[in-house]
Each structure stands twice: as C-alpha cells, then as structure tokens.
N, C-alpha and C. Protein backbone atom coordinates (compact mmCIF):
# COMPACT_ATOMS: atom_id res chain seq x y z
N MET A 1 155.27 90.89 -163.75
CA MET A 1 156.51 90.19 -163.98
C MET A 1 157.59 91.20 -164.35
N ARG A 2 158.76 91.01 -163.80
CA ARG A 2 159.92 91.83 -164.17
C ARG A 2 160.73 91.08 -165.22
N PHE A 3 160.84 91.64 -166.39
CA PHE A 3 161.55 91.03 -167.51
C PHE A 3 163.05 91.09 -167.28
N LEU A 4 163.75 89.94 -167.50
CA LEU A 4 165.20 89.90 -167.33
C LEU A 4 165.97 89.69 -168.62
N ALA A 5 165.49 88.76 -169.48
CA ALA A 5 166.27 88.45 -170.68
C ALA A 5 165.37 87.83 -171.74
N SER A 6 165.82 87.94 -172.98
CA SER A 6 165.17 87.31 -174.11
C SER A 6 166.20 86.45 -174.82
N GLU A 7 165.77 85.29 -175.35
CA GLU A 7 166.68 84.37 -176.03
C GLU A 7 167.82 83.95 -175.08
N TYR A 8 167.46 83.65 -173.83
CA TYR A 8 168.43 83.29 -172.80
C TYR A 8 168.84 81.83 -172.99
N VAL A 9 170.13 81.54 -172.99
CA VAL A 9 170.64 80.18 -173.22
C VAL A 9 171.17 79.61 -171.91
N ILE A 10 170.77 78.36 -171.62
CA ILE A 10 171.24 77.68 -170.41
C ILE A 10 171.91 76.37 -170.78
N ASP A 11 172.84 75.94 -169.95
CA ASP A 11 173.46 74.64 -170.09
C ASP A 11 172.68 73.64 -169.24
N CYS A 12 172.45 72.43 -169.77
CA CYS A 12 171.74 71.40 -169.02
C CYS A 12 172.64 70.83 -167.92
N ALA A 13 172.06 70.55 -166.76
CA ALA A 13 172.82 70.04 -165.62
C ALA A 13 173.45 68.68 -165.90
N ASP A 14 172.83 67.89 -166.79
CA ASP A 14 173.35 66.55 -167.08
C ASP A 14 174.41 66.56 -168.18
N GLY A 15 174.83 67.75 -168.59
CA GLY A 15 175.85 67.85 -169.62
C GLY A 15 175.31 67.72 -171.03
N GLY A 16 174.00 67.66 -171.18
CA GLY A 16 173.36 67.56 -172.49
C GLY A 16 173.43 68.86 -173.25
N ARG A 17 172.68 68.93 -174.33
CA ARG A 17 172.76 70.12 -175.18
C ARG A 17 172.20 71.35 -174.49
N ARG A 18 172.61 72.50 -174.96
CA ARG A 18 172.16 73.77 -174.41
C ARG A 18 170.71 74.01 -174.79
N ARG A 19 169.98 74.73 -173.96
CA ARG A 19 168.56 75.06 -174.18
C ARG A 19 168.39 76.56 -174.24
N ARG A 20 167.39 76.99 -175.01
CA ARG A 20 167.09 78.41 -175.16
C ARG A 20 165.74 78.70 -174.53
N ILE A 21 165.70 79.72 -173.68
CA ILE A 21 164.46 80.19 -173.07
C ILE A 21 164.04 81.43 -173.84
N ASP A 22 162.78 81.47 -174.32
CA ASP A 22 162.30 82.62 -175.09
C ASP A 22 162.35 83.90 -174.27
N SER A 23 161.77 83.88 -173.08
CA SER A 23 161.82 85.04 -172.19
C SER A 23 161.97 84.56 -170.75
N LEU A 24 162.76 85.28 -169.98
CA LEU A 24 163.01 84.95 -168.59
C LEU A 24 162.69 86.16 -167.74
N GLY A 25 161.99 85.93 -166.63
CA GLY A 25 161.63 87.04 -165.76
C GLY A 25 161.48 86.60 -164.32
N LEU A 26 161.06 87.53 -163.47
CA LEU A 26 160.79 87.26 -162.06
C LEU A 26 159.37 87.72 -161.75
N ASP A 27 158.64 86.91 -160.98
CA ASP A 27 157.29 87.33 -160.58
C ASP A 27 157.38 88.25 -159.37
N GLU A 28 156.23 88.66 -158.82
CA GLU A 28 156.20 89.63 -157.73
C GLU A 28 156.84 89.10 -156.45
N ASN A 29 157.03 87.77 -156.34
CA ASN A 29 157.67 87.17 -155.17
C ASN A 29 159.15 86.86 -155.41
N GLY A 30 159.66 87.20 -156.59
CA GLY A 30 161.06 86.93 -156.90
C GLY A 30 161.32 85.54 -157.46
N ALA A 31 160.25 84.79 -157.75
CA ALA A 31 160.40 83.45 -158.32
C ALA A 31 160.61 83.56 -159.83
N PRO A 32 161.44 82.67 -160.39
CA PRO A 32 161.69 82.73 -161.84
C PRO A 32 160.44 82.37 -162.65
N VAL A 33 160.29 83.04 -163.79
CA VAL A 33 159.19 82.79 -164.73
C VAL A 33 159.80 82.56 -166.11
N VAL A 34 159.46 81.43 -166.73
CA VAL A 34 159.93 81.11 -168.07
C VAL A 34 158.75 81.19 -169.02
N VAL A 35 158.90 81.94 -170.12
CA VAL A 35 157.83 82.07 -171.11
C VAL A 35 158.34 81.50 -172.43
N GLU A 36 157.59 80.54 -172.98
CA GLU A 36 157.90 79.95 -174.28
C GLU A 36 156.80 80.36 -175.26
N TYR A 37 157.19 80.96 -176.36
CA TYR A 37 156.23 81.41 -177.36
C TYR A 37 156.06 80.33 -178.42
N LYS A 38 154.82 80.10 -178.84
CA LYS A 38 154.51 79.12 -179.87
C LYS A 38 153.78 79.81 -181.00
N ARG A 39 154.00 79.33 -182.20
CA ARG A 39 153.34 79.90 -183.36
C ARG A 39 152.39 78.83 -183.93
N GLY A 40 151.20 79.26 -184.34
CA GLY A 40 150.26 78.34 -184.97
C GLY A 40 148.86 78.56 -184.49
N THR A 41 147.93 77.83 -185.10
CA THR A 41 146.51 77.97 -184.76
C THR A 41 145.99 76.76 -184.00
N ASP A 42 146.78 75.71 -183.85
CA ASP A 42 146.37 74.51 -183.14
C ASP A 42 146.33 74.80 -181.63
N ALA A 43 145.24 74.46 -180.97
CA ALA A 43 145.10 74.72 -179.54
C ALA A 43 146.07 73.88 -178.72
N GLY A 44 146.62 72.80 -179.28
CA GLY A 44 147.53 71.92 -178.54
C GLY A 44 148.89 72.50 -178.52
C-alpha cells in the first residue's frame, strides 16, 4: 500500500457532518484504501 495521508478529513456528499479517515492510501492497483484504527481488547 502507498500511504497518502493521516487524519484525512472528508465532506459527506449529502451535506452532513465531516468525517475523519485515520489513514488513506492506494493499493498496488491504484484503488483507494481506508484504514480505521481501533483501541481495546474486545474482538468486536
């Protein structure tokens, strides 16, 4: 994966609140990859 940004903020298409992406990248085919990090010990 090629890393592009961290803490990337996007505007929702429906005009709703802004969203934050933890990490944004591109895979080997150039497709976007979104990574969300979670903290905790719960498997869910």
